[in-house]
Amino acid sequence: MNGAPMSTDRLHLEQTYLPNVPQPLADAVWTFALQQSRLLPHHDLAQAYRDVAALIRLARRTGDVG
C-alpha cells in the first residue's frame, strides 16, 4: 500500500471475503484482483476475492495453510 489510504472498496472486500488474513496476503489478493479485473472484463473485483477466499477455505480444510 505504500502508506496510501485504503480504498473503501478494498476495505469492504477484505472485511467481507478475507477476515483475519495477514496484511501481506491481503495486499497480494488486492493486486491479483486488480489484474484479474483488467484481464477478464467479466471478472470483477468481488469475484476475484470470492475465488481467493474459496481457495483459502479449501487450503485450511486440507491443512495446507495455517
Protein backbone atom coordinates (compact mmCIF):
# COMPACT_ATOMS: atom_id res chain seq x y z
CA MET A 1 0.00 0.00 0.00
CA ASN A 2 2.98 2.33 0.38
CA GLY A 3 1.27 4.47 3.00
CA ALA A 4 -1.65 5.36 0.75
CA PRO A 5 -5.09 5.25 2.35
CA MET A 6 -7.00 2.05 1.67
CA SER A 7 -9.91 2.47 -0.70
CA THR A 8 -13.36 1.89 0.74
CA ASP A 9 -13.98 -0.80 -1.88
CA ARG A 10 -10.85 -2.67 -0.88
CA LEU A 11 -11.64 -2.41 2.82
CA HIS A 12 -15.17 -3.73 2.21
CA LEU A 13 -13.89 -6.62 0.09
CA GLU A 14 -11.28 -7.59 2.69
CA GLN A 15 -13.78 -7.44 5.55
CA THR A 16 -16.35 -9.42 3.58
CA TYR A 17 -14.24 -12.14 1.98
CA LEU A 18 -10.90 -12.22 3.82
CA PRO A 19 -11.43 -11.54 7.51
CA ASN A 20 -8.46 -12.42 9.72
CA VAL A 21 -5.87 -12.82 6.98
CA PRO A 22 -2.36 -11.36 7.33
CA GLN A 23 -1.87 -7.98 5.64
CA PRO A 24 0.75 -9.27 3.16
CA LEU A 25 -1.81 -11.81 1.89
CA ALA A 26 -4.49 -9.14 1.71
CA ASP A 27 -2.13 -6.94 -0.32
CA ALA A 28 -1.38 -9.82 -2.70
CA VAL A 29 -5.09 -10.56 -3.15
CA TRP A 30 -5.77 -6.89 -3.97
CA THR A 31 -3.06 -6.96 -6.64
CA PHE A 32 -4.44 -10.24 -8.01
CA ALA A 33 -7.99 -8.87 -8.07
CA LEU A 34 -6.92 -5.76 -9.96
CA GLN A 35 -5.04 -7.85 -12.53
CA GLN A 36 -7.99 -10.21 -12.97
CA SER A 37 -10.46 -7.37 -13.44
CA ARG A 38 -8.23 -5.90 -16.17
CA LEU A 39 -7.56 -9.18 -17.96
CA LEU A 40 -11.07 -10.61 -17.73
CA PRO A 41 -13.74 -7.95 -18.31
CA HIS A 42 -16.49 -10.16 -16.86
CA HIS A 43 -14.40 -10.82 -13.74
CA ASP A 44 -14.97 -8.04 -11.22
CA LEU A 45 -13.03 -7.38 -8.02
CA ALA A 46 -15.57 -9.15 -5.83
CA GLN A 47 -15.36 -12.28 -7.97
CA ALA A 48 -11.59 -12.36 -7.59
CA TYR A 49 -11.98 -12.04 -3.81
CA ARG A 50 -14.57 -14.83 -3.76
CA ASP A 51 -12.21 -17.06 -5.77
CA VAL A 52 -9.30 -16.46 -3.40
CA ALA A 53 -11.49 -16.86 -0.30
CA ALA A 54 -12.64 -20.24 -1.62
CA LEU A 55 -9.03 -21.32 -2.16
CA ILE A 56 -8.09 -20.23 1.37
CA ARG A 57 -11.03 -22.16 2.87
CA LEU A 58 -10.04 -25.25 0.89
CA ALA A 59 -6.41 -24.96 1.98
CA ARG A 60 -7.42 -24.57 5.62
CA ARG A 61 -9.68 -27.64 5.44
CA THR A 62 -6.94 -29.75 3.94
CA GLY A 63 -4.32 -28.43 6.35
CA ASP A 64 -2.20 -26.77 3.67
CA VAL A 65 -2.48 -23.34 5.33
CA GLY A 66 -2.28 -22.22 8.94
